[in-house]
C-alpha atoms as a PDB file:
ATOM      1  CA  MET A   1      90.396  75.048 121.584  1.00  0.00           C
ATOM      2  CA  GLU A   2      94.011  76.151 121.974  1.00  0.00           C
ATOM      3  CA  VAL A   3      95.788  78.224 119.334  1.00  0.00           C
ATOM      4  CA  GLN A   4      99.457  77.384 118.720  1.00  0.00           C
ATOM      5  CA  PHE A   5     101.843  80.001 117.426  1.00  0.00           C
ATOM      6  CA  LEU A   6     104.850  79.062 115.333  1.00  0.00           C
ATOM      7  CA  PRO A   7     108.238  80.432 116.364  1.00  0.00           C
ATOM      8  CA  GLY A   8     109.730  83.053 114.023  1.00  0.00           C
ATOM      9  CA  ALA A   9     112.243  80.648 112.447  1.00  0.00           C
ATOM     10  CA  GLN A  10     109.524  78.167 111.460  1.00  0.00           C
ATOM     11  CA  ILE A  11     107.394  80.929 109.979  1.00  0.00           C
ATOM     12  CA  MET A  12     110.340  82.192 107.913  1.00  0.00           C
ATOM     13  CA  LYS A  13     111.049  78.673 106.605  1.00  0.00           C
ATOM     14  CA  LYS A  14     107.457  78.358 105.429  1.00  0.00           C
ATOM     15  CA  ILE A  15     107.534  81.815 103.820  1.00  0.00           C
ATOM     16  CA  LYS A  16     110.817  80.991 102.024  1.00  0.00           C
ATOM     17  CA  LYS A  17     109.256  77.881 100.522  1.00  0.00           C
ATOM     18  CA  ILE A  18     106.021  79.565  99.475  1.00  0.00           C
ATOM     19  CA  ALA A  19     107.269  83.022  98.332  1.00  0.00           C
ATOM     20  CA  PRO A  20     108.916  82.014  95.007  1.00  0.00           C
ATOM     21  CA  ILE A  21     105.936  79.887  93.980  1.00  0.00           C
ATOM     22  CA  CYS A  22     103.467  82.680  94.812  1.00  0.00           C
ATOM     23  CA  PHE A  23     105.548  85.251  92.956  1.00  0.00           C
ATOM     24  CA  LEU A  24     105.838  83.068  89.854  1.00  0.00           C
ATOM     25  CA  GLY A  25     102.110  82.382  89.966  1.00  0.00           C
ATOM     26  CA  LEU A  26     101.273  86.075  90.190  1.00  0.00           C
ATOM     27  CA  SER A  27     103.771  87.051  87.506  1.00  0.00           C
ATOM     28  CA  SER A  28     102.375  84.430  85.132  1.00  0.00           C
ATOM     29  CA  LEU A  29      99.071  86.294  85.315  1.00  0.00           C
ATOM     30  CA  ILE A  30     100.888  89.376  84.014  1.00  0.00           C
ATOM     31  CA  SER A  31     102.943  87.699  81.294  1.00  0.00           C
ATOM     32  CA  LEU A  32     104.288  84.240  80.561  1.00  0.00           C
ATOM     33  CA  LEU A  33     107.392  85.761  78.946  1.00  0.00           C
ATOM     34  CA  PHE A  34     108.091  87.774  82.111  1.00  0.00           C
ATOM     35  CA  THR A  35     107.723  84.584  84.182  1.00  0.00           C
ATOM     36  CA  LEU A  36     110.039  82.669  81.849  1.00  0.00           C
ATOM     37  CA  GLY A  37     112.668  85.418  82.067  1.00  0.00           C
ATOM     38  CA  PHE A  38     112.269  85.541  85.846  1.00  0.00           C
ATOM     39  CA  GLY A  39     112.829  81.792  86.140  1.00  0.00           C
ATOM     40  CA  ILE A  40     115.892  81.917  83.894  1.00  0.00           C
ATOM     41  CA  GLY A  41     117.375  84.888  85.799  1.00  0.00           C
ATOM     42  CA  TYR A  42     116.771  83.257  89.172  1.00  0.00           C
ATOM     43  CA  SER A  43     118.194  79.891  88.052  1.00  0.00           C
ATOM     44  CA  LEU A  44     121.295  81.341  86.374  1.00  0.00           C
ATOM     45  CA  GLY A  45     121.970  83.615  89.345  1.00  0.00           C
ATOM     46  CA  LYS A  46     121.751  80.682  91.748  1.00  0.00           C
ATOM     47  CA  PHE A  47     123.885  78.460  89.497  1.00  0.00           C
ATOM     48  CA  PHE A  48     126.733  80.973  89.152  1.00  0.00           C
ATOM     49  CA  ILE A  49     126.674  82.035  92.810  1.00  0.00           C
ATOM     50  CA  LYS A  50     126.914  78.376  93.850  1.00  0.00           C
ATOM     51  CA  ARG A  51     129.888  77.919  91.523  1.00  0.00           C
ATOM     52  CA  ILE A  52     131.622  80.985  92.973  1.00  0.00           C
ATOM     53  CA  TYR A  53     130.875  79.760  96.487  1.00  0.00           C
ATOM     54  CA  GLU A  54     132.328  76.314  95.701  1.00  0.00           C
ATOM     55  CA  GLY A  55     135.428  77.829  94.047  1.00  0.00           C
ATOM     56  CA  LYS A  56     134.577  76.368  90.616  1.00  0.00           C
ATOM     57  CA  SER A  57     134.243  79.676  88.781  1.00  0.00           C
ATOM     58  CA  LYS A  58     136.607  82.333  87.532  1.00  0.00           C
ATOM     59  CA  LEU A  59     133.935  84.947  88.256  1.00  0.00           C
ATOM     60  CA  LYS A  60     134.681  87.183  91.203  1.00  0.00           C
ATOM     61  CA  PRO A  61     132.506  89.716  92.993  1.00  0.00           C
ATOM     62  CA  ILE A  62     132.806  93.255  91.633  1.00  0.00           C
ATOM     63  CA  ILE A  63     134.309  95.399  94.383  1.00  0.00           C
ATOM     64  CA  LEU A  64     135.603  98.890  93.694  1.00  0.00           C
ATOM     65  CA  TYR A  65     138.116 100.331  96.192  1.00  0.00           C
ATOM     66  CA  ILE A  66     138.282 104.101  96.564  1.00  0.00           C
ATOM     67  CA  ARG A  67     140.581 105.355  99.311  1.00  0.00           C
ATOM     68  CA  ASN A  68     139.171 104.018 102.598  1.00  0.00           C
ATOM     69  CA  TRP A  69     135.904 102.890 101.039  1.00  0.00           C
ATOM     70  CA  GLU A  70     134.798  99.820  99.144  1.00  0.00           C
ATOM     71  CA  ILE A  71     131.795  99.591  96.872  1.00  0.00           C
ATOM     72  CA  HIS A  72     130.438  96.074  96.393  1.00  0.00           C
ATOM     73  CA  PHE A  73     128.348  95.762  93.226  1.00  0.00           C
ATOM     74  CA  HIS A  74     126.007  92.891  94.088  1.00  0.00           C
ATOM     75  CA  HIS A  75     124.188  91.455  91.090  1.00  0.00           C
ATOM     76  CA  TRP A  76     120.865  92.693  92.500  1.00  0.00           C
ATOM     77  CA  PHE A  77     122.299  96.214  92.522  1.00  0.00           C
ATOM     78  CA  ILE A  78     123.679  95.942  88.975  1.00  0.00           C
ATOM     79  CA  SER A  79     120.315  94.630  87.732  1.00  0.00           C
ATOM     80  CA  LEU A  80     118.497  97.455  89.498  1.00  0.00           C
ATOM     81  CA  LEU A  81     120.826 100.031  87.917  1.00  0.00           C
ATOM     82  CA  ILE A  82     120.120  98.559  84.475  1.00  0.00           C
ATOM     83  CA  LEU A  83     116.362  98.740  85.097  1.00  0.00           C
ATOM     84  CA  LEU A  84     116.614 102.333  86.311  1.00  0.00           C
ATOM     85  CA  SER A  85     118.713 103.315  83.301  1.00  0.00           C
ATOM     86  CA  PHE A  86     116.003 101.925  80.982  1.00  0.00           C
ATOM     87  CA  PHE A  87     113.315 103.977  82.673  1.00  0.00           C
ATOM     88  CA  LEU A  88     115.351 107.166  82.996  1.00  0.00           C
ATOM     89  CA  SER A  89     116.521 107.044  79.374  1.00  0.00           C
ATOM     90  CA  GLY A  90     112.986 106.468  78.077  1.00  0.00           C
ATOM     91  CA  ILE A  91     113.766 103.256  76.174  1.00  0.00           C
ATOM     92  CA  TYR A  92     111.801 101.016  78.552  1.00  0.00           C
ATOM     93  CA  SER A  93     109.039 100.423  75.993  1.00  0.00           C
ATOM     94  CA  ARG A  94     111.513  99.014  73.452  1.00  0.00           C
ATOM     95  CA  ILE A  95     112.971  96.396  75.830  1.00  0.00           C
ATOM     96  CA  PRO A  96     111.368  92.916  75.652  1.00  0.00           C
ATOM     97  CA  ILE A  97     109.427  91.952  78.777  1.00  0.00           C
ATOM     98  CA  ILE A  98     111.401  88.708  79.087  1.00  0.00           C
ATOM     99  CA  PHE A  99     114.494  90.826  79.816  1.00  0.00           C
ATOM    100  CA  TYR A 100     112.654  92.597  82.646  1.00  0.00           C
ATOM    101  CA  GLY A 101     111.751  89.189  84.034  1.00  0.00           C
ATOM    102  CA  PHE A 102     115.386  88.087  83.774  1.00  0.00           C
ATOM    103  CA  LEU A 103     116.608  91.144  85.703  1.00  0.00           C
ATOM    104  CA  GLY A 104     113.823  90.678  88.253  1.00  0.00           C
ATOM    105  CA  GLY A 105     114.883  87.057  88.725  1.00  0.00           C
ATOM    106  CA  LEU A 106     118.478  88.125  89.362  1.00  0.00           C
ATOM    107  CA  ILE A 107     117.348  90.730  91.893  1.00  0.00           C
ATOM    108  CA  PHE A 108     115.054  88.293  93.685  1.00  0.00           C
ATOM    109  CA  GLN A 109     117.662  85.530  93.716  1.00  0.00           C
ATOM    110  CA  ASP A 110     120.378  87.695  95.196  1.00  0.00           C
ATOM    111  CA  ILE A 111     118.224  89.124  97.962  1.00  0.00           C
ATOM    112  CA  TYR A 112     116.258  85.939  98.694  1.00  0.00           C
ATOM    113  CA  TRP A 113     118.908  83.235  98.374  1.00  0.00           C
ATOM    114  CA  ASP A 114     122.231  84.945  99.165  1.00  0.00           C
ATOM    115  CA  ARG A 115     121.126  86.006 102.636  1.00  0.00           C
ATOM    116  CA  LYS A 116     122.312  82.675 104.054  1.00  0.00           C
ATOM    117  CA  LEU A 117     125.770  82.881 102.443  1.00  0.00           C
ATOM    118  CA  HIS A 118     127.098  86.018 104.113  1.00  0.00           C
ATOM    119  CA  LYS A 119     128.429  84.056 107.111  1.00  0.00           C
ATOM    120  CA  LYS A 120     129.932  81.168 105.146  1.00  0.00           C
ATOM    121  CA  HIS A 121     132.192  82.669 102.504  1.00  0.00           C
ATOM    122  CA  ILE A 122     134.785  85.427 102.333  1.00  0.00           C
ATOM    123  CA  TYR A 123     132.966  87.221  99.495  1.00  0.00           C
ATOM    124  CA  TRP A 124     129.763  87.385 101.530  1.00  0.00           C
ATOM    125  CA  MET A 125     131.154  88.643 104.835  1.00  0.00           C
ATOM    126  CA  LYS A 126     128.996  91.700 104.299  1.00  0.00           C
ATOM    127  CA  LYS A 127     125.241  91.312 104.176  1.00  0.00           C
ATOM    128  CA  TRP A 128     123.415  91.473 100.835  1.00  0.00           C
ATOM    129  CA  TYR A 129     122.302  95.062 101.345  1.00  0.00           C
ATOM    130  CA  LYS A 130     125.771  96.407 102.181  1.00  0.00           C
ATOM    131  CA  ILE A 131     126.977  98.240  99.100  1.00  0.00           C
ATOM    132  CA  LEU A 132     129.179 100.966 100.559  1.00  0.00           C
ATOM    133  CA  SER A 133     131.392 100.335 103.576  1.00  0.00           C
ATOM    134  CA  LYS A 134     134.631 101.478 105.149  1.00  0.00           C
ATOM    135  CA  ARG A 135     137.607  99.318 104.271  1.00  0.00           C
ATOM    136  CA  GLY A 136     138.728  96.892 106.912  1.00  0.00           C
ATOM    137  CA  LEU A 137     135.386  96.814 108.765  1.00  0.00           C
END
């Protein structure tokens, strides 16, 4: 019996199809409201990013220029900052769990889905994890 190994690209395609379903299944065990918020955050993030990509939106990426540096506030980074501010301020217990799901959906969508856009559009010339970079590079 011969074992066949899948090339890396085929494995990644299978993981990309299965990962969101597995995550939603696991999160539904925690809370249905969290899962609902996650689905809404993911869907809205994808919808608005597609509209920006197609030029049908007035929304623009948030980029702050300071001297020779630029800071790109990706929506995953903004969502993460909001989550951290809840925990650091101590108000995390007063925030509805659906809102945590929504922010988690935005984070997941930006990292998971936007990875393929960075070569196709001027706003995504930098990879999803590039927040701080020198201007002109």
